[in-house]
Amino acid sequence: MKRSIAGIAGIVAIATLISKLFGLLRSTCVAAVFGVGPVADAYNYAYIIPGFLLVLLGGINGPLHSTLVSILAKREKSTAAPLVETITTLTSCILLLVTVGLIVFADFFTNLIAPGLEPQVRNLAARQLQIMAPIALLSGFIGIGFGTLNAAQHYWLPSISPMLSSVTVIIGLGFLALKQRTLANTPDSFLLGGLVLAGGTLAGAVLQWLVQSIVQWREGMG
């Protein structure tokens, strides 16, 4: 049974609002733990490229989402899976190269995005970018899953799943706070905090993809 346009809009709006609220909570937690300093600064710079790709390719009305919704809406479910698998394979080949490039040339991209950074912040940002580089590949998977699930009349999960990235970062910060109640201003503490932020962000993207993939598989659409 197809939902009304108003019903779909309501589902997407509520899910998006919840996701944004968790994003606000994540920012509050990051500020509470790190304040203004090299860890938060490095993370903000390191996340520019992965975040851009995640919004562009993995978000609503992105090229993958829009293409799949328009194509799959005209097809039977039995013929959707092979098409989705083909698109996934082609997208993976391209984005895998992008991921490898971000890992290998992390220093170059960091200097390109934020020239003139202090060495400590620059080095930490480069490490964080290397950790979050797989988000480039995952953004393609997420965008494909987003479009596929929307075509199958699933709107709640794709719209609220970005919340998972905020949840994993918040959980990581919680463990970090338990381990180190007060972060000392040492290079080791900066590195640990940076790894927690980057690792939590990557874990959230992985979880978002896995959750979508399970529903996608159950629907028999790739």
C-alpha atoms as a PDB file:
ATOM      1  CA  MET A   1       0.000   0.000   0.000  1.00  0.00           C
ATOM      2  CA  LYS A   2       1.484   3.313  -1.089  1.00  0.00           C
ATOM      3  CA  ARG A   3       1.626   6.140   1.409  1.00  0.00           C
ATOM      4  CA  SER A   4       0.343   9.619   0.667  1.00  0.00           C
ATOM      5  CA  ILE A   5       2.801  12.375  -0.131  1.00  0.00           C
ATOM      6  CA  ALA A   6       1.879  14.118   3.116  1.00  0.00           C
ATOM      7  CA  GLY A   7       2.516  10.925   5.066  1.00  0.00           C
ATOM      8  CA  ILE A   8       5.907  10.420   3.449  1.00  0.00           C
ATOM      9  CA  ALA A   9       6.852  14.044   4.082  1.00  0.00           C
ATOM     10  CA  GLY A  10       5.864  13.686   7.734  1.00  0.00           C
ATOM     11  CA  ILE A  11       7.936  10.529   8.194  1.00  0.00           C
ATOM     12  CA  VAL A  12      10.994  12.076   6.573  1.00  0.00           C
ATOM     13  CA  ALA A  13      10.608  15.333   8.522  1.00  0.00           C
ATOM     14  CA  ILE A  14      10.336  13.613  11.916  1.00  0.00           C
ATOM     15  CA  ALA A  15      13.208  11.223  11.224  1.00  0.00           C
ATOM     16  CA  THR A  16      15.405  14.042   9.941  1.00  0.00           C
ATOM     17  CA  LEU A  17      14.606  16.179  12.990  1.00  0.00           C
ATOM     18  CA  ILE A  18      15.590  13.351  15.349  1.00  0.00           C
ATOM     19  CA  SER A  19      18.801  12.808  13.414  1.00  0.00           C
ATOM     20  CA  LYS A  20      19.639  16.525  13.564  1.00  0.00           C
ATOM     21  CA  LEU A  21      18.984  16.630  17.305  1.00  0.00           C
ATOM     22  CA  PHE A  22      21.447  13.794  17.816  1.00  0.00           C
ATOM     23  CA  GLY A  23      23.908  15.715  15.651  1.00  0.00           C
ATOM     24  CA  LEU A  24      23.493  18.694  17.967  1.00  0.00           C
ATOM     25  CA  LEU A  25      24.042  16.444  20.981  1.00  0.00           C
ATOM     26  CA  ARG A  26      27.204  15.074  19.381  1.00  0.00           C
ATOM     27  CA  SER A  27      28.565  18.585  18.823  1.00  0.00           C
ATOM     28  CA  THR A  28      27.767  19.442  22.435  1.00  0.00           C
ATOM     29  CA  CYS A  29      29.599  16.340  23.674  1.00  0.00           C
ATOM     30  CA  VAL A  30      32.639  17.085  21.501  1.00  0.00           C
ATOM     31  CA  ALA A  31      32.749  20.633  22.857  1.00  0.00           C
ATOM     32  CA  ALA A  32      32.356  19.390  26.431  1.00  0.00           C
ATOM     33  CA  VAL A  33      35.205  16.883  26.131  1.00  0.00           C
ATOM     34  CA  PHE A  34      37.679  18.792  23.971  1.00  0.00           C
ATOM     35  CA  GLY A  35      36.593  22.421  24.071  1.00  0.00           C
ATOM     36  CA  VAL A  36      38.436  24.640  21.611  1.00  0.00           C
ATOM     37  CA  GLY A  37      41.734  22.988  20.792  1.00  0.00           C
ATOM     38  CA  PRO A  38      43.778  20.911  18.367  1.00  0.00           C
ATOM     39  CA  VAL A  39      41.647  17.749  18.560  1.00  0.00           C
ATOM     40  CA  ALA A  40      38.353  19.387  17.587  1.00  0.00           C
ATOM     41  CA  ASP A  41      40.073  21.632  15.028  1.00  0.00           C
ATOM     42  CA  ALA A  42      41.838  18.700  13.383  1.00  0.00           C
ATOM     43  CA  TYR A  43      38.618  16.693  13.251  1.00  0.00           C
ATOM     44  CA  ASN A  44      36.692  19.531  11.635  1.00  0.00           C
ATOM     45  CA  TYR A  45      39.291  19.798   8.882  1.00  0.00           C
ATOM     46  CA  ALA A  46      39.671  16.037   8.432  1.00  0.00           C
ATOM     47  CA  TYR A  47      35.929  15.514   8.070  1.00  0.00           C
ATOM     48  CA  ILE A  48      35.460  18.052   5.269  1.00  0.00           C
ATOM     49  CA  ILE A  49      36.041  15.624   2.376  1.00  0.00           C
ATOM     50  CA  PRO A  50      34.396  12.498   3.880  1.00  0.00           C
ATOM     51  CA  GLY A  51      31.476  14.600   5.101  1.00  0.00           C
ATOM     52  CA  PHE A  52      31.033  16.219   1.698  1.00  0.00           C
ATOM     53  CA  LEU A  53      30.966  12.831  -0.031  1.00  0.00           C
ATOM     54  CA  LEU A  54      28.542  11.438   2.535  1.00  0.00           C
ATOM     55  CA  VAL A  55      26.115  14.315   2.005  1.00  0.00           C
ATOM     56  CA  LEU A  56      26.559  14.353  -1.780  1.00  0.00           C
ATOM     57  CA  LEU A  57      26.369  10.623  -2.478  1.00  0.00           C
ATOM     58  CA  GLY A  58      24.665   9.243   0.604  1.00  0.00           C
ATOM     59  CA  GLY A  59      22.034  11.893   1.208  1.00  0.00           C
ATOM     60  CA  ILE A  60      18.518  12.452  -0.029  1.00  0.00           C
ATOM     61  CA  ASN A  61      18.241  13.828  -3.574  1.00  0.00           C
ATOM     62  CA  GLY A  62      21.867  12.938  -4.241  1.00  0.00           C
ATOM     63  CA  PRO A  63      22.732  11.488  -7.660  1.00  0.00           C
ATOM     64  CA  LEU A  64      22.572   7.853  -6.517  1.00  0.00           C
ATOM     65  CA  HIS A  65      19.365   8.324  -4.533  1.00  0.00           C
ATOM     66  CA  SER A  66      17.559  10.216  -7.291  1.00  0.00           C
ATOM     67  CA  THR A  67      18.690   7.857 -10.060  1.00  0.00           C
ATOM     68  CA  LEU A  68      17.660   4.702  -8.238  1.00  0.00           C
ATOM     69  CA  VAL A  69      14.296   6.052  -7.117  1.00  0.00           C
ATOM     70  CA  SER A  70      13.392   7.127 -10.651  1.00  0.00           C
ATOM     71  CA  ILE A  71      14.563   3.868 -12.246  1.00  0.00           C
ATOM     72  CA  LEU A  72      13.330   1.341  -9.682  1.00  0.00           C
ATOM     73  CA  ALA A  73       9.903   2.964  -9.438  1.00  0.00           C
ATOM     74  CA  LYS A  74       9.259   1.766 -12.996  1.00  0.00           C
ATOM     75  CA  ARG A  75      10.507  -1.794 -12.469  1.00  0.00           C
ATOM     76  CA  GLU A  76       9.239  -4.949 -10.843  1.00  0.00           C
ATOM     77  CA  LYS A  77      11.007  -5.944  -7.642  1.00  0.00           C
ATOM     78  CA  SER A  78      12.235  -9.165  -9.269  1.00  0.00           C
ATOM     79  CA  THR A  79      14.284  -7.194 -11.798  1.00  0.00           C
ATOM     80  CA  ALA A  80      15.567  -4.617  -9.327  1.00  0.00           C
ATOM     81  CA  ALA A  81      18.253  -6.690  -7.605  1.00  0.00           C
ATOM     82  CA  PRO A  82      20.482  -7.271 -10.674  1.00  0.00           C
ATOM     83  CA  LEU A  83      20.351  -3.571 -11.543  1.00  0.00           C
ATOM     84  CA  VAL A  84      21.173  -2.508  -7.984  1.00  0.00           C
ATOM     85  CA  GLU A  85      24.068  -4.975  -7.867  1.00  0.00           C
ATOM     86  CA  THR A  86      25.465  -3.637 -11.149  1.00  0.00           C
ATOM     87  CA  ILE A  87      25.271  -0.037  -9.956  1.00  0.00           C
ATOM     88  CA  THR A  88      26.862  -1.051  -6.649  1.00  0.00           C
ATOM     89  CA  THR A  89      29.766  -2.745  -8.426  1.00  0.00           C
ATOM     90  CA  LEU A  90      30.462   0.232 -10.691  1.00  0.00           C
ATOM     91  CA  THR A  91      30.167   2.702  -7.835  1.00  0.00           C
ATOM     92  CA  SER A  92      32.441   0.589  -5.639  1.00  0.00           C
ATOM     93  CA  CYS A  93      35.208   0.514  -8.248  1.00  0.00           C
ATOM     94  CA  ILE A  94      35.249   4.303  -8.518  1.00  0.00           C
ATOM     95  CA  LEU A  95      34.919   5.095  -4.824  1.00  0.00           C
ATOM     96  CA  LEU A  96      37.484   2.478  -3.835  1.00  0.00           C
ATOM     97  CA  LEU A  97      40.048   4.440  -5.830  1.00  0.00           C
ATOM     98  CA  VAL A  98      38.928   7.633  -4.097  1.00  0.00           C
ATOM     99  CA  THR A  99      39.300   5.932  -0.714  1.00  0.00           C
ATOM    100  CA  VAL A 100      42.805   4.698  -1.488  1.00  0.00           C
ATOM    101  CA  GLY A 101      43.739   8.160  -2.752  1.00  0.00           C
ATOM    102  CA  LEU A 102      42.557   9.794   0.468  1.00  0.00           C
ATOM    103  CA  ILE A 103      44.569   7.334   2.550  1.00  0.00           C
ATOM    104  CA  VAL A 104      47.779   7.582   0.536  1.00  0.00           C
ATOM    105  CA  PHE A 105      47.657  11.344  -0.018  1.00  0.00           C
ATOM    106  CA  ALA A 106      46.108  12.371   3.302  1.00  0.00           C
ATOM    107  CA  ASP A 107      48.891  14.870   3.998  1.00  0.00           C
ATOM    108  CA  PHE A 108      48.413  16.501   0.600  1.00  0.00           C
ATOM    109  CA  PHE A 109      44.650  16.854   0.996  1.00  0.00           C
ATOM    110  CA  THR A 110      45.045  18.203   4.521  1.00  0.00           C
ATOM    111  CA  ASN A 111      47.445  20.892   3.318  1.00  0.00           C
ATOM    112  CA  LEU A 112      45.149  21.639   0.384  1.00  0.00           C
ATOM    113  CA  ILE A 113      42.078  22.105   2.584  1.00  0.00           C
ATOM    114  CA  ALA A 114      43.770  23.911   5.447  1.00  0.00           C
ATOM    115  CA  PRO A 115      47.131  25.388   4.488  1.00  0.00           C
ATOM    116  CA  GLY A 116      49.178  26.911   7.268  1.00  0.00           C
ATOM    117  CA  LEU A 117      47.983  24.673  10.092  1.00  0.00           C
ATOM    118  CA  GLU A 118      50.242  24.107  13.045  1.00  0.00           C
ATOM    119  CA  PRO A 119      52.195  20.842  12.636  1.00  0.00           C
ATOM    120  CA  GLN A 120      50.391  19.188  15.546  1.00  0.00           C
ATOM    121  CA  VAL A 121      46.936  19.930  14.146  1.00  0.00           C
ATOM    122  CA  ARG A 122      47.974  19.102  10.574  1.00  0.00           C
ATOM    123  CA  ASN A 123      49.432  15.719  11.510  1.00  0.00           C
ATOM    124  CA  LEU A 124      46.416  14.799  13.602  1.00  0.00           C
ATOM    125  CA  ALA A 125      44.020  15.869  10.835  1.00  0.00           C
ATOM    126  CA  ALA A 126      45.923  13.726   8.324  1.00  0.00           C
ATOM    127  CA  ARG A 127      45.672  10.690  10.611  1.00  0.00           C
ATOM    128  CA  GLN A 128      41.962  11.287  11.104  1.00  0.00           C
ATOM    129  CA  LEU A 129      41.428  11.650   7.361  1.00  0.00           C
ATOM    130  CA  GLN A 130      43.127   8.303   6.785  1.00  0.00           C
ATOM    131  CA  ILE A 131      40.809   6.666   9.305  1.00  0.00           C
ATOM    132  CA  MET A 132      37.673   8.258   7.845  1.00  0.00           C
ATOM    133  CA  ALA A 133      38.679   7.741   4.196  1.00  0.00           C
ATOM    134  CA  PRO A 134      36.512   4.575   3.832  1.00  0.00           C
ATOM    135  CA  ILE A 135      33.481   6.823   4.310  1.00  0.00           C
ATOM    136  CA  ALA A 136      34.000   7.732   0.645  1.00  0.00           C
ATOM    137  CA  LEU A 137      33.224   4.128  -0.317  1.00  0.00           C
ATOM    138  CA  LEU A 138      30.494   3.763   2.277  1.00  0.00           C
ATOM    139  CA  SER A 139      28.778   6.935   1.068  1.00  0.00           C
ATOM    140  CA  GLY A 140      28.136   5.216  -2.247  1.00  0.00           C
ATOM    141  CA  PHE A 141      26.679   2.152  -0.538  1.00  0.00           C
ATOM    142  CA  ILE A 142      24.526   4.324   1.707  1.00  0.00           C
ATOM    143  CA  GLY A 143      23.231   6.379  -1.220  1.00  0.00           C
ATOM    144  CA  ILE A 144      22.361   3.220  -3.152  1.00  0.00           C
ATOM    145  CA  GLY A 145      20.611   1.773  -0.114  1.00  0.00           C
ATOM    146  CA  PHE A 146      18.784   5.046   0.482  1.00  0.00           C
ATOM    147  CA  GLY A 147      17.408   5.145  -3.057  1.00  0.00           C
ATOM    148  CA  THR A 148      16.587   1.440  -3.129  1.00  0.00           C
ATOM    149  CA  LEU A 149      14.683   1.530   0.152  1.00  0.00           C
ATOM    150  CA  ASN A 150      12.766   4.657  -0.841  1.00  0.00           C
ATOM    151  CA  ALA A 151      11.746   2.930  -4.064  1.00  0.00           C
ATOM    152  CA  ALA A 152      10.478   0.047  -1.908  1.00  0.00           C
ATOM    153  CA  GLN A 153       8.380   2.462   0.193  1.00  0.00           C
ATOM    154  CA  HIS A 154      10.781   2.501   3.151  1.00  0.00           C
ATOM    155  CA  TYR A 155      11.285   6.076   4.351  1.00  0.00           C
ATOM    156  CA  TRP A 156      11.813   6.010   8.119  1.00  0.00           C
ATOM    157  CA  LEU A 157      15.035   3.986   8.271  1.00  0.00           C
ATOM    158  CA  PRO A 158      16.991   5.817   5.538  1.00  0.00           C
ATOM    159  CA  SER A 159      16.009   9.198   6.988  1.00  0.00           C
ATOM    160  CA  ILE A 160      16.916   8.402  10.593  1.00  0.00           C
ATOM    161  CA  SER A 161      19.984   6.228   9.949  1.00  0.00           C
ATOM    162  CA  PRO A 162      22.414   9.221   9.816  1.00  0.00           C
ATOM    163  CA  MET A 163      21.739   9.454  13.553  1.00  0.00           C
ATOM    164  CA  LEU A 164      23.899   6.350  14.016  1.00  0.00           C
ATOM    165  CA  SER A 165      27.073   8.292  13.263  1.00  0.00           C
ATOM    166  CA  SER A 166      26.282  10.694  16.087  1.00  0.00           C
ATOM    167  CA  VAL A 167      25.454   7.811  18.426  1.00  0.00           C
ATOM    168  CA  THR A 168      28.757   6.016  17.840  1.00  0.00           C
ATOM    169  CA  VAL A 169      30.750   9.216  18.371  1.00  0.00           C
ATOM    170  CA  ILE A 170      28.865   9.940  21.608  1.00  0.00           C
ATOM    171  CA  ILE A 171      29.495   6.394  22.845  1.00  0.00           C
ATOM    172  CA  GLY A 172      33.178   6.701  21.970  1.00  0.00           C
ATOM    173  CA  LEU A 173      33.430   9.978  23.852  1.00  0.00           C
ATOM    174  CA  GLY A 174      31.724   8.360  26.832  1.00  0.00           C
ATOM    175  CA  PHE A 175      34.346   5.618  26.997  1.00  0.00           C
ATOM    176  CA  LEU A 176      37.073   8.209  26.542  1.00  0.00           C
ATOM    177  CA  ALA A 177      35.700  10.275  29.411  1.00  0.00           C
ATOM    178  CA  LEU A 178      35.662   7.201  31.642  1.00  0.00           C
ATOM    179  CA  LYS A 179      39.250   6.422  30.737  1.00  0.00           C
ATOM    180  CA  GLN A 180      40.499   9.960  31.131  1.00  0.00           C
ATOM    181  CA  ARG A 181      38.300  12.147  33.273  1.00  0.00           C
ATOM    182  CA  THR A 182      40.416  15.177  32.463  1.00  0.00           C
ATOM    183  CA  LEU A 183      42.367  15.222  29.227  1.00  0.00           C
ATOM    184  CA  ALA A 184      45.914  16.327  29.835  1.00  0.00           C
ATOM    185  CA  ASN A 185      47.463  18.596  27.250  1.00  0.00           C
ATOM    186  CA  THR A 186      49.847  15.962  25.916  1.00  0.00           C
ATOM    187  CA  PRO A 187      50.408  14.648  22.375  1.00  0.00           C
ATOM    188  CA  ASP A 188      49.252  11.173  23.431  1.00  0.00           C
ATOM    189  CA  SER A 189      45.975  12.549  24.750  1.00  0.00           C
ATOM    190  CA  PHE A 190      45.421  14.567  21.585  1.00  0.00           C
ATOM    191  CA  LEU A 191      46.091  11.498  19.435  1.00  0.00           C
ATOM    192  CA  LEU A 192      43.754   9.283  21.458  1.00  0.00           C
ATOM    193  CA  GLY A 193      40.976  11.852  21.313  1.00  0.00           C
ATOM    194  CA  GLY A 194      41.442  12.283  17.570  1.00  0.00           C
ATOM    195  CA  LEU A 195      41.331   8.539  16.986  1.00  0.00           C
ATOM    196  CA  VAL A 196      38.131   8.240  19.019  1.00  0.00           C
ATOM    197  CA  LEU A 197      36.412  10.969  16.998  1.00  0.00           C
ATOM    198  CA  ALA A 198      37.515   9.608  13.629  1.00  0.00           C
ATOM    199  CA  GLY A 199      36.897   5.980  14.576  1.00  0.00           C
ATOM    200  CA  GLY A 200      33.458   6.761  15.965  1.00  0.00           C
ATOM    201  CA  THR A 201      32.506   8.605  12.786  1.00  0.00           C
ATOM    202  CA  LEU A 202      33.659   5.707  10.607  1.00  0.00           C
ATOM    203  CA  ALA A 203      31.856   3.189  12.823  1.00  0.00           C
ATOM    204  CA  GLY A 204      28.656   5.189  12.447  1.00  0.00           C
ATOM    205  CA  ALA A 205      28.890   5.110   8.653  1.00  0.00           C
ATOM    206  CA  VAL A 206      29.531   1.351   8.721  1.00  0.00           C
ATOM    207  CA  LEU A 207      26.548   0.824  11.013  1.00  0.00           C
ATOM    208  CA  GLN A 208      24.340   2.999   8.817  1.00  0.00           C
ATOM    209  CA  TRP A 209      25.265   0.929   5.767  1.00  0.00           C
ATOM    210  CA  LEU A 210      24.761  -2.398   7.576  1.00  0.00           C
ATOM    211  CA  VAL A 211      21.315  -1.452   8.879  1.00  0.00           C
ATOM    212  CA  GLN A 212      20.192  -0.374   5.419  1.00  0.00           C
ATOM    213  CA  SER A 213      21.722  -3.481   3.826  1.00  0.00           C
ATOM    214  CA  ILE A 214      19.766  -5.827   6.088  1.00  0.00           C
ATOM    215  CA  VAL A 215      16.428  -4.287   5.114  1.00  0.00           C
ATOM    216  CA  GLN A 216      17.518  -4.088   1.482  1.00  0.00           C
ATOM    217  CA  TRP A 217      18.376  -7.792   1.504  1.00  0.00           C
ATOM    218  CA  ARG A 218      15.057  -8.698   3.139  1.00  0.00           C
ATOM    219  CA  GLU A 219      13.256  -6.809   0.387  1.00  0.00           C
ATOM    220  CA  GLY A 220      15.170  -8.826  -2.217  1.00  0.00           C
ATOM    221  CA  MET A 221      16.594  -5.688  -3.806  1.00  0.00           C
ATOM    222  CA  GLY A 222      20.317  -6.346  -3.854  1.00  0.00           C
END
